Amino acid sequence: MSEIIVQSKDLSFQYANSEQRILFADVEIKKGEHSLLLGDSGTGKTTLLHLLSGLSNPTTGKVWIDKRDIYSLGSTDLDKFRGQHIGFIFQEAHLIKNLTIEENIRLAQNLANKKENKTAVLDVLHKLQLEHKANSYPDELSRGQLQRAAIARAVINGPDLLVADEPTASLDDTNTKLVLDLLLNTASNYNATLLIATHDNRIKGHFNNTYQL
């Protein structure tokens, strides 16, 4: 029986400027069970993704990752936990422009309180066909290369959970398939569980576990 990697109970969230509280159904994701949070804009899928990955504090409820109650941690310990256990991939790469690609990824190691390991960085860049761009700066890469660099940064610390927010938004069908295949293959190669928040119904058929918002 697979172990549970993400679990939530009685989650709700209320924005500071709103009187309405968003209530979320409980989530339970097993290790290796790649999952979708699927819903139209405004349904709260990105909010739920942020709650499940420690980026936003819930108004009520709890979240466990690898059986750890993440919101019982102080802010410094939660930052460290995220860096060591969760890899984030956003719609934009958010790489630091004045650092090379290699330096951006080594920074991710540093922020997770892990020893910088150039060999590991070059290895992940090689697996994502970016080794030749190690010494390039973000503005020297194509959009597709930037996305792969962001994925390299997300997996460098061997996360248990790989989180992606709208990774296929605004992509055509061909590039949607390429990105989805890349994410699924990368998650499998690094033994990570993939969790995607999206409004893109095109990718629903690739996932057995979908939470409809």
C-alpha atoms as a PDB file:
ATOM      1  CA  MET A   1       0.000   0.000   0.000  1.00  0.00           C
ATOM      2  CA  SER A   2       1.450   3.359  -1.089  1.00  0.00           C
ATOM      3  CA  GLU A   3       2.249   5.910   1.578  1.00  0.00           C
ATOM      4  CA  ILE A   4       0.336   9.195   1.616  1.00  0.00           C
ATOM      5  CA  ILE A   5       2.537  12.123   0.637  1.00  0.00           C
ATOM      6  CA  VAL A   6       0.007  15.001   0.822  1.00  0.00           C
ATOM      7  CA  GLN A   7      -3.049  15.179   3.023  1.00  0.00           C
ATOM      8  CA  SER A   8      -5.316  18.049   4.042  1.00  0.00           C
ATOM      9  CA  LYS A   9      -8.154  18.314   6.541  1.00  0.00           C
ATOM     10  CA  ASP A  10     -10.850  21.004   6.816  1.00  0.00           C
ATOM     11  CA  LEU A  11      -8.931  23.602   4.794  1.00  0.00           C
ATOM     12  CA  SER A  12     -10.379  27.050   4.267  1.00  0.00           C
ATOM     13  CA  PHE A  13      -8.938  30.372   3.193  1.00  0.00           C
ATOM     14  CA  GLN A  14     -10.195  33.939   3.456  1.00  0.00           C
ATOM     15  CA  TYR A  15      -8.535  36.847   1.696  1.00  0.00           C
ATOM     16  CA  ALA A  16      -7.913  39.946   3.812  1.00  0.00           C
ATOM     17  CA  ASN A  17     -10.170  42.124   1.631  1.00  0.00           C
ATOM     18  CA  SER A  18     -13.000  39.594   1.363  1.00  0.00           C
ATOM     19  CA  GLU A  19     -15.839  38.544   3.638  1.00  0.00           C
ATOM     20  CA  GLN A  20     -16.219  35.221   1.862  1.00  0.00           C
ATOM     21  CA  ARG A  21     -14.261  32.180   3.003  1.00  0.00           C
ATOM     22  CA  ILE A  22     -13.295  29.507   0.460  1.00  0.00           C
ATOM     23  CA  LEU A  23     -13.878  25.970   1.741  1.00  0.00           C
ATOM     24  CA  PHE A  24     -11.923  23.085   0.228  1.00  0.00           C
ATOM     25  CA  ALA A  25     -12.660  19.376   0.106  1.00  0.00           C
ATOM     26  CA  ASP A  26     -10.063  17.214   1.849  1.00  0.00           C
ATOM     27  CA  VAL A  27      -7.160  16.073  -0.306  1.00  0.00           C
ATOM     28  CA  GLU A  28      -5.229  12.818  -0.047  1.00  0.00           C
ATOM     29  CA  ILE A  29      -2.448  12.069  -2.535  1.00  0.00           C
ATOM     30  CA  LYS A  30      -0.352   8.912  -2.447  1.00  0.00           C
ATOM     31  CA  LYS A  31       3.316   8.807  -3.375  1.00  0.00           C
ATOM     32  CA  GLY A  32       3.680   8.517  -7.152  1.00  0.00           C
ATOM     33  CA  GLU A  33      -0.005   9.386  -7.706  1.00  0.00           C
ATOM     34  CA  HIS A  34       0.373  12.353 -10.058  1.00  0.00           C
ATOM     35  CA  SER A  35      -2.640  14.605  -9.516  1.00  0.00           C
ATOM     36  CA  LEU A  36      -4.528  17.595 -10.905  1.00  0.00           C
ATOM     37  CA  LEU A  37      -6.344  20.457  -9.215  1.00  0.00           C
ATOM     38  CA  LEU A  38      -8.677  21.310 -12.092  1.00  0.00           C
ATOM     39  CA  GLY A  39     -10.982  24.292 -12.289  1.00  0.00           C
ATOM     40  CA  ASP A  40     -11.854  27.502 -14.099  1.00  0.00           C
ATOM     41  CA  SER A  41     -10.344  30.856 -13.154  1.00  0.00           C
ATOM     42  CA  GLY A  42     -11.599  32.033  -9.774  1.00  0.00           C
ATOM     43  CA  THR A  43     -12.413  28.576  -8.397  1.00  0.00           C
ATOM     44  CA  GLY A  44      -9.515  28.641  -5.944  1.00  0.00           C
ATOM     45  CA  LYS A  45      -7.234  26.018  -7.487  1.00  0.00           C
ATOM     46  CA  THR A  46      -4.079  28.151  -7.207  1.00  0.00           C
ATOM     47  CA  THR A  47      -5.031  29.088  -3.644  1.00  0.00           C
ATOM     48  CA  LEU A  48      -5.415  25.392  -2.804  1.00  0.00           C
ATOM     49  CA  LEU A  49      -2.088  24.611  -4.466  1.00  0.00           C
ATOM     50  CA  HIS A  50      -0.417  27.289  -2.333  1.00  0.00           C
ATOM     51  CA  LEU A  51      -2.040  25.922   0.824  1.00  0.00           C
ATOM     52  CA  LEU A  52      -0.987  22.351   0.047  1.00  0.00           C
ATOM     53  CA  SER A  53       2.618  23.387  -0.624  1.00  0.00           C
ATOM     54  CA  GLY A  54       3.179  25.767   2.265  1.00  0.00           C
ATOM     55  CA  LEU A  55       3.082  29.044   0.362  1.00  0.00           C
ATOM     56  CA  SER A  56      -0.050  30.421   2.083  1.00  0.00           C
ATOM     57  CA  ASN A  57      -1.329  29.915   5.614  1.00  0.00           C
ATOM     58  CA  PRO A  58      -4.860  28.495   5.780  1.00  0.00           C
ATOM     59  CA  THR A  59      -7.578  30.277   7.725  1.00  0.00           C
ATOM     60  CA  THR A  60      -8.562  26.891   9.134  1.00  0.00           C
ATOM     61  CA  GLY A  61      -7.383  23.335   8.672  1.00  0.00           C
ATOM     62  CA  LYS A  62      -4.164  21.363   8.428  1.00  0.00           C
ATOM     63  CA  VAL A  63      -1.804  20.046   5.757  1.00  0.00           C
ATOM     64  CA  TRP A  64       0.582  17.132   6.131  1.00  0.00           C
ATOM     65  CA  ILE A  65       3.445  16.446   3.722  1.00  0.00           C
ATOM     66  CA  ASP A  66       5.327  13.208   4.365  1.00  0.00           C
ATOM     67  CA  LYS A  67       3.309  12.994   7.618  1.00  0.00           C
ATOM     68  CA  ARG A  68       4.688  16.378   8.753  1.00  0.00           C
ATOM     69  CA  ASP A  69       2.178  18.992   9.896  1.00  0.00           C
ATOM     70  CA  ILE A  70       3.706  21.811   7.852  1.00  0.00           C
ATOM     71  CA  TYR A  71       1.783  24.684   9.435  1.00  0.00           C
ATOM     72  CA  SER A  72       3.010  23.702  12.873  1.00  0.00           C
ATOM     73  CA  LEU A  73       6.475  24.780  11.714  1.00  0.00           C
ATOM     74  CA  GLY A  74       7.841  28.265  12.291  1.00  0.00           C
ATOM     75  CA  SER A  75       8.479  30.402   9.209  1.00  0.00           C
ATOM     76  CA  THR A  76      12.221  29.611   9.047  1.00  0.00           C
ATOM     77  CA  ASP A  77      11.679  25.867   9.434  1.00  0.00           C
ATOM     78  CA  LEU A  78       8.835  25.946   6.901  1.00  0.00           C
ATOM     79  CA  ASP A  79      11.104  27.703   4.376  1.00  0.00           C
ATOM     80  CA  LYS A  80      13.740  25.026   4.943  1.00  0.00           C
ATOM     81  CA  PHE A  81      11.157  22.222   4.668  1.00  0.00           C
ATOM     82  CA  ARG A  82       9.833  23.581   1.366  1.00  0.00           C
ATOM     83  CA  GLY A  83      13.342  23.883  -0.040  1.00  0.00           C
ATOM     84  CA  GLN A  84      14.169  20.298   0.856  1.00  0.00           C
ATOM     85  CA  HIS A  85      10.901  18.537   0.039  1.00  0.00           C
ATOM     86  CA  ILE A  86       9.004  20.570  -2.587  1.00  0.00           C
ATOM     87  CA  GLY A  87       9.988  21.740  -6.061  1.00  0.00           C
ATOM     88  CA  PHE A  88       8.024  24.633  -7.568  1.00  0.00           C
ATOM     89  CA  ILE A  89       7.354  25.326 -11.260  1.00  0.00           C
ATOM     90  CA  PHE A  90       5.380  28.456 -12.111  1.00  0.00           C
ATOM     91  CA  GLN A  91       4.037  29.826 -15.398  1.00  0.00           C
ATOM     92  CA  GLU A  92       7.074  32.114 -15.607  1.00  0.00           C
ATOM     93  CA  ALA A  93      10.543  30.840 -14.774  1.00  0.00           C
ATOM     94  CA  HIS A  94      11.388  33.577 -12.212  1.00  0.00           C
ATOM     95  CA  LEU A  95      15.119  33.016 -12.624  1.00  0.00           C
ATOM     96  CA  ILE A  96      17.497  35.678 -11.291  1.00  0.00           C
ATOM     97  CA  LYS A  97      18.635  37.601 -14.356  1.00  0.00           C
ATOM     98  CA  ASN A  98      22.173  38.458 -13.250  1.00  0.00           C
ATOM     99  CA  LEU A  99      23.012  34.844 -12.350  1.00  0.00           C
ATOM    100  CA  THR A 100      23.905  32.132 -14.849  1.00  0.00           C
ATOM    101  CA  ILE A 101      21.646  29.107 -15.162  1.00  0.00           C
ATOM    102  CA  GLU A 102      24.103  27.038 -13.148  1.00  0.00           C
ATOM    103  CA  GLU A 103      24.277  29.722 -10.452  1.00  0.00           C
ATOM    104  CA  ASN A 104      20.474  29.920 -10.266  1.00  0.00           C
ATOM    105  CA  ILE A 105      20.272  26.195  -9.594  1.00  0.00           C
ATOM    106  CA  ARG A 106      23.133  26.210  -7.097  1.00  0.00           C
ATOM    107  CA  LEU A 107      21.280  28.990  -5.273  1.00  0.00           C
ATOM    108  CA  ALA A 108      18.329  26.611  -4.862  1.00  0.00           C
ATOM    109  CA  GLN A 109      20.684  24.150  -3.152  1.00  0.00           C
ATOM    110  CA  ASN A 110      21.955  26.899  -0.882  1.00  0.00           C
ATOM    111  CA  LEU A 111      18.461  28.105   0.081  1.00  0.00           C
ATOM    112  CA  ALA A 112      17.547  24.556   1.111  1.00  0.00           C
ATOM    113  CA  ASN A 113      20.582  24.492   3.435  1.00  0.00           C
ATOM    114  CA  LYS A 114      22.202  21.880   1.234  1.00  0.00           C
ATOM    115  CA  LYS A 115      25.831  21.856   0.169  1.00  0.00           C
ATOM    116  CA  GLU A 116      26.303  23.306  -3.300  1.00  0.00           C
ATOM    117  CA  ASN A 117      27.069  20.472  -5.696  1.00  0.00           C
ATOM    118  CA  LYS A 118      28.171  21.544  -9.170  1.00  0.00           C
ATOM    119  CA  THR A 119      28.314  17.949 -10.395  1.00  0.00           C
ATOM    120  CA  ALA A 120      24.666  17.402  -9.461  1.00  0.00           C
ATOM    121  CA  VAL A 121      23.701  20.690 -11.149  1.00  0.00           C
ATOM    122  CA  LEU A 122      25.435  19.737 -14.393  1.00  0.00           C
ATOM    123  CA  ASP A 123      23.872  16.277 -14.229  1.00  0.00           C
ATOM    124  CA  VAL A 124      20.313  17.620 -13.987  1.00  0.00           C
ATOM    125  CA  LEU A 125      21.033  20.140 -16.763  1.00  0.00           C
ATOM    126  CA  HIS A 126      22.343  17.276 -18.910  1.00  0.00           C
ATOM    127  CA  LYS A 127      19.181  15.240 -18.301  1.00  0.00           C
ATOM    128  CA  LEU A 128      17.084  18.226 -19.388  1.00  0.00           C
ATOM    129  CA  GLN A 129      19.310  18.900 -22.436  1.00  0.00           C
ATOM    130  CA  LEU A 130      20.554  22.212 -21.039  1.00  0.00           C
ATOM    131  CA  GLU A 131      24.148  21.431 -20.101  1.00  0.00           C
ATOM    132  CA  HIS A 132      25.397  23.688 -22.922  1.00  0.00           C
ATOM    133  CA  LYS A 133      23.497  26.604 -21.332  1.00  0.00           C
ATOM    134  CA  ALA A 134      25.018  26.250 -17.848  1.00  0.00           C
ATOM    135  CA  ASN A 135      27.045  29.460 -18.169  1.00  0.00           C
ATOM    136  CA  SER A 136      24.362  31.410 -20.038  1.00  0.00           C
ATOM    137  CA  TYR A 137      22.098  34.020 -18.472  1.00  0.00           C
ATOM    138  CA  PRO A 138      18.296  33.725 -18.462  1.00  0.00           C
ATOM    139  CA  ASP A 139      17.823  36.403 -21.149  1.00  0.00           C
ATOM    140  CA  GLU A 140      19.978  34.289 -23.493  1.00  0.00           C
ATOM    141  CA  LEU A 141      17.564  31.330 -23.369  1.00  0.00           C
ATOM    142  CA  SER A 142      14.413  30.629 -25.358  1.00  0.00           C
ATOM    143  CA  ARG A 143      11.069  30.310 -23.549  1.00  0.00           C
ATOM    144  CA  GLY A 144      11.251  26.518 -23.766  1.00  0.00           C
ATOM    145  CA  GLN A 145      14.799  26.496 -22.405  1.00  0.00           C
ATOM    146  CA  LEU A 146      13.765  28.782 -19.540  1.00  0.00           C
ATOM    147  CA  GLN A 147      10.996  26.371 -18.645  1.00  0.00           C
ATOM    148  CA  ARG A 148      13.448  23.460 -18.586  1.00  0.00           C
ATOM    149  CA  ALA A 149      15.837  25.526 -16.446  1.00  0.00           C
ATOM    150  CA  ALA A 150      12.999  26.178 -13.999  1.00  0.00           C
ATOM    151  CA  ILE A 151      12.279  22.436 -13.884  1.00  0.00           C
ATOM    152  CA  ALA A 152      15.987  21.755 -13.257  1.00  0.00           C
ATOM    153  CA  ARG A 153      15.916  24.185 -10.341  1.00  0.00           C
ATOM    154  CA  ALA A 154      12.748  22.531  -9.000  1.00  0.00           C
ATOM    155  CA  VAL A 155      14.213  19.005  -8.933  1.00  0.00           C
ATOM    156  CA  ILE A 156      17.826  19.742  -7.893  1.00  0.00           C
ATOM    157  CA  ASN A 157      17.167  18.990  -4.213  1.00  0.00           C
ATOM    158  CA  GLY A 158      15.386  15.704  -4.907  1.00  0.00           C
ATOM    159  CA  PRO A 159      11.917  16.864  -3.799  1.00  0.00           C
ATOM    160  CA  ASP A 160       9.211  14.426  -2.763  1.00  0.00           C
ATOM    161  CA  LEU A 161       6.587  16.719  -4.281  1.00  0.00           C
ATOM    162  CA  LEU A 162       6.811  18.606  -7.576  1.00  0.00           C
ATOM    163  CA  VAL A 163       4.244  21.420  -7.793  1.00  0.00           C
ATOM    164  CA  ALA A 164       3.299  23.210 -11.030  1.00  0.00           C
ATOM    165  CA  ASP A 165       0.878  26.116 -11.460  1.00  0.00           C
ATOM    166  CA  GLU A 166      -0.702  26.404 -14.946  1.00  0.00           C
ATOM    167  CA  PRO A 167       2.382  25.003 -16.755  1.00  0.00           C
ATOM    168  CA  THR A 168       0.512  24.625 -20.062  1.00  0.00           C
ATOM    169  CA  ALA A 169      -1.417  27.904 -20.016  1.00  0.00           C
ATOM    170  CA  SER A 170      -1.284  29.716 -23.375  1.00  0.00           C
ATOM    171  CA  LEU A 171       0.558  26.823 -25.066  1.00  0.00           C
ATOM    172  CA  ASP A 172      -0.675  25.232 -28.278  1.00  0.00           C
ATOM    173  CA  ASP A 173      -1.498  21.507 -28.397  1.00  0.00           C
ATOM    174  CA  THR A 174       1.966  20.432 -29.569  1.00  0.00           C
ATOM    175  CA  ASN A 175       3.851  22.342 -26.885  1.00  0.00           C
ATOM    176  CA  THR A 176       1.316  21.353 -24.236  1.00  0.00           C
ATOM    177  CA  LYS A 177       2.116  17.702 -24.912  1.00  0.00           C
ATOM    178  CA  LEU A 178       5.870  18.383 -24.873  1.00  0.00           C
ATOM    179  CA  VAL A 179       5.706  20.188 -21.521  1.00  0.00           C
ATOM    180  CA  LEU A 180       3.388  17.609 -19.978  1.00  0.00           C
ATOM    181  CA  ASP A 181       5.602  14.712 -21.116  1.00  0.00           C
ATOM    182  CA  LEU A 182       8.639  16.539 -19.731  1.00  0.00           C
ATOM    183  CA  LEU A 183       6.987  17.082 -16.343  1.00  0.00           C
ATOM    184  CA  LEU A 184       5.720  13.509 -16.046  1.00  0.00           C
ATOM    185  CA  ASN A 185       9.033  11.996 -17.155  1.00  0.00           C
ATOM    186  CA  THR A 186      11.045  14.274 -14.876  1.00  0.00           C
ATOM    187  CA  ALA A 187       8.830  13.459 -11.899  1.00  0.00           C
ATOM    188  CA  SER A 188       9.262   9.743 -12.567  1.00  0.00           C
ATOM    189  CA  ASN A 189      13.037  10.057 -13.063  1.00  0.00           C
ATOM    190  CA  TYR A 190      13.426  11.845  -9.732  1.00  0.00           C
ATOM    191  CA  ASN A 191      10.866   9.707  -7.864  1.00  0.00           C
ATOM    192  CA  ALA A 192       8.726  12.783  -7.187  1.00  0.00           C
ATOM    193  CA  THR A 193       4.948  13.087  -7.058  1.00  0.00           C
ATOM    194  CA  LEU A 194       3.573  15.696  -9.468  1.00  0.00           C
ATOM    195  CA  LEU A 195       0.742  18.045  -8.474  1.00  0.00           C
ATOM    196  CA  ILE A 196      -0.583  20.481 -11.084  1.00  0.00           C
ATOM    197  CA  ALA A 197      -3.127  23.278 -10.715  1.00  0.00           C
ATOM    198  CA  THR A 198      -4.695  24.081 -14.074  1.00  0.00           C
ATOM    199  CA  HIS A 199      -7.787  25.118 -15.997  1.00  0.00           C
ATOM    200  CA  ASP A 200      -6.515  23.141 -19.025  1.00  0.00           C
ATOM    201  CA  ASN A 201      -8.933  20.267 -19.675  1.00  0.00           C
ATOM    202  CA  ARG A 202      -6.655  18.970 -22.450  1.00  0.00           C
ATOM    203  CA  ILE A 203      -4.353  17.311 -19.918  1.00  0.00           C
ATOM    204  CA  LYS A 204      -7.042  15.699 -17.751  1.00  0.00           C
ATOM    205  CA  GLY A 205      -6.777  12.373 -19.556  1.00  0.00           C
ATOM    206  CA  HIS A 206      -3.148  11.967 -18.482  1.00  0.00           C
ATOM    207  CA  PHE A 207      -4.026  11.863 -14.771  1.00  0.00           C
ATOM    208  CA  ASN A 208      -5.950   9.248 -12.803  1.00  0.00           C
ATOM    209  CA  ASN A 209      -6.387  11.496  -9.778  1.00  0.00           C
ATOM    210  CA  THR A 210      -8.232  14.782 -10.375  1.00  0.00           C
ATOM    211  CA  TYR A 211      -9.733  17.179  -7.836  1.00  0.00           C
ATOM    212  CA  GLN A 212     -12.400  19.243  -9.588  1.00  0.00           C
ATOM    213  CA  LEU A 213     -12.835  22.727  -8.140  1.00  0.00           C
END
